[in-house]
């Protein structure tokens, strides 16, 4: 009689795909960050096992730690969501949820990132203009 492994086998590529989707990132974007083609990233996301070095690179690009990629499961995510919102959190259709961060800090952080992106665009366009002269 064969004994089956009770723990399901992790599919690293699928975990990368799910984390990328949760982050709201397209394959093209992650591929560009990693310096590879979108087709290569697609192959990675369909690969069951990856070398630790590649996982580390991808984790850095997704801004998660390597253990998150290795141990990701939809069940854990759903558990976190279920434990975050309680039955008494909903009153009159309004969610009574207090964030663990200061929303003003997040707005300021977003503004700074957008400002930096715009400055980089301006610098790039100036470089293009200088090359044409």
Protein backbone atom coordinates (compact mmCIF):
# COMPACT_ATOMS: atom_id res chain seq x y z
CA UNK A 1 0.00 0.00 0.00
CA UNK A 2 1.40 3.37 -1.04
CA UNK A 3 1.36 6.29 1.32
CA UNK A 4 0.50 9.61 -0.20
CA UNK A 5 2.17 12.81 0.86
CA UNK A 6 -0.43 14.70 2.90
CA UNK A 7 1.19 18.03 2.17
CA UNK A 8 0.38 19.25 -1.36
CA UNK A 9 3.33 19.91 -3.64
CA UNK A 10 4.02 23.62 -4.11
CA UNK A 11 4.16 24.99 -7.64
CA UNK A 12 6.61 27.89 -7.39
CA UNK A 13 5.71 29.35 -10.80
CA UNK A 14 2.01 29.38 -9.96
CA UNK A 15 2.81 31.05 -6.62
CA UNK A 16 4.76 33.75 -8.46
CA UNK A 17 1.83 34.26 -10.83
CA UNK A 18 -0.69 34.59 -7.98
CA UNK A 19 1.51 37.02 -6.03
CA UNK A 20 2.06 39.07 -9.18
CA UNK A 21 -1.70 39.22 -9.73
CA UNK A 22 -2.32 40.19 -6.10
CA UNK A 23 0.17 43.03 -6.54
CA UNK A 24 -1.83 44.14 -9.61
CA UNK A 25 1.19 43.69 -11.85
CA UNK A 26 1.13 42.51 -15.47
CA UNK A 27 3.57 39.92 -16.79
CA UNK A 28 5.18 42.54 -19.00
CA UNK A 29 5.86 44.80 -16.03
CA UNK A 30 7.46 42.08 -13.89
CA UNK A 31 9.46 40.84 -16.88
CA UNK A 32 10.77 44.36 -17.49
CA UNK A 33 11.80 44.71 -13.83
CA UNK A 34 13.63 41.37 -14.04
CA UNK A 35 15.24 42.26 -17.38
CA UNK A 36 13.71 39.30 -19.22
CA UNK A 37 11.07 38.86 -21.92
CA UNK A 38 7.39 38.38 -21.14
CA UNK A 39 7.62 34.94 -22.79
CA UNK A 40 10.45 33.94 -20.43
CA UNK A 41 8.39 35.06 -17.42
CA UNK A 42 5.47 33.03 -18.74
CA UNK A 43 7.74 29.96 -18.83
CA UNK A 44 8.88 30.68 -15.27
CA UNK A 45 5.27 30.94 -14.08
CA UNK A 46 4.60 27.52 -15.61
CA UNK A 47 7.63 25.94 -13.93
CA UNK A 48 7.07 23.88 -10.81
CA UNK A 49 10.56 24.34 -9.29
CA UNK A 50 13.09 27.20 -9.54
CA UNK A 51 16.59 27.80 -8.26
CA UNK A 52 16.83 29.80 -5.03
CA UNK A 53 18.75 32.59 -6.76
CA UNK A 54 15.95 33.12 -9.31
CA UNK A 55 13.32 33.02 -6.54
CA UNK A 56 15.30 35.67 -4.64
CA UNK A 57 15.40 37.95 -7.71
CA UNK A 58 11.68 37.57 -8.31
CA UNK A 59 10.87 38.08 -4.61
CA UNK A 60 12.80 41.35 -4.66
CA UNK A 61 10.92 42.50 -7.76
CA UNK A 62 7.57 41.60 -6.17
CA UNK A 63 8.65 43.20 -2.87
CA UNK A 64 8.04 40.02 -0.86
CA UNK A 65 10.41 37.65 0.88
CA UNK A 66 11.43 34.33 -0.67
CA UNK A 67 9.51 32.34 1.92
CA UNK A 68 6.29 34.05 0.78
CA UNK A 69 6.83 32.68 -2.73
CA UNK A 70 7.80 29.23 -1.50
CA UNK A 71 4.92 28.83 0.95
CA UNK A 72 2.14 30.86 -0.73
CA UNK A 73 -1.35 29.37 -0.71
CA UNK A 74 -4.76 30.77 -1.54
CA UNK A 75 -6.06 29.26 1.69
CA UNK A 76 -3.66 31.39 3.76
CA UNK A 77 -4.73 34.54 1.93
CA UNK A 78 -8.41 33.75 2.47
CA UNK A 79 -7.75 33.00 6.12
CA UNK A 80 -6.09 36.38 6.58
CA UNK A 81 -9.01 38.11 4.86
CA UNK A 82 -11.55 36.20 6.96
CA UNK A 83 -9.70 37.02 10.17
CA UNK A 84 -9.41 40.69 9.24
CA UNK A 85 -13.11 41.30 8.80
CA UNK A 86 -15.42 40.15 11.57
CA UNK A 87 -19.21 39.90 11.60
CA UNK A 88 -19.47 42.95 13.84
CA UNK A 89 -17.30 44.97 11.46
CA UNK A 90 -20.25 45.57 9.17
CA UNK A 91 -22.77 48.06 10.45
CA UNK A 92 -25.43 49.58 8.19
CA UNK A 93 -23.48 48.44 5.13
CA UNK A 94 -20.38 50.37 6.22
CA UNK A 95 -17.16 48.58 7.00
CA UNK A 96 -15.74 49.56 10.36
CA UNK A 97 -12.09 48.91 9.61
CA UNK A 98 -9.20 50.82 11.10
CA UNK A 99 -5.99 50.53 9.06
CA UNK A 100 -2.71 49.77 10.80
CA UNK A 101 -1.02 52.58 8.88
CA UNK A 102 -1.48 56.31 8.58
CA UNK A 103 -3.39 56.98 5.32
CA UNK A 104 -1.82 60.44 5.04
CA UNK A 105 1.64 58.84 5.03
CA UNK A 106 0.53 56.55 2.20
CA UNK A 107 -0.80 59.49 0.18
CA UNK A 108 2.47 61.38 0.73
CA UNK A 109 4.45 58.28 -0.30
CA UNK A 110 2.37 57.90 -3.45
CA UNK A 111 2.79 61.59 -4.27
CA UNK A 112 6.57 61.31 -3.88
CA UNK A 113 6.68 58.23 -6.15
CA UNK A 114 4.56 59.98 -8.79
CA UNK A 115 6.71 63.10 -8.57
CA UNK A 116 9.89 61.04 -8.98
CA UNK A 117 8.39 59.25 -12.00
CA UNK A 118 7.51 62.58 -13.62
CA UNK A 119 11.01 63.92 -12.95
CA UNK A 120 12.51 60.82 -14.59
CA UNK A 121 10.25 61.33 -17.62
CA UNK A 122 11.34 64.96 -17.93
CA UNK A 123 15.01 63.99 -17.67
CA UNK A 124 14.56 61.32 -20.32
CA UNK A 125 12.80 63.72 -22.68
CA UNK A 126 15.54 66.30 -22.13
CA UNK A 127 18.13 63.66 -23.05
CA UNK A 128 16.25 62.91 -26.26
CA UNK A 129 16.09 66.60 -27.14
CA UNK A 130 19.81 67.06 -26.44
CA UNK A 131 20.67 64.12 -28.73
CA UNK A 132 18.72 65.65 -31.61
CA UNK A 133 20.56 68.98 -31.34
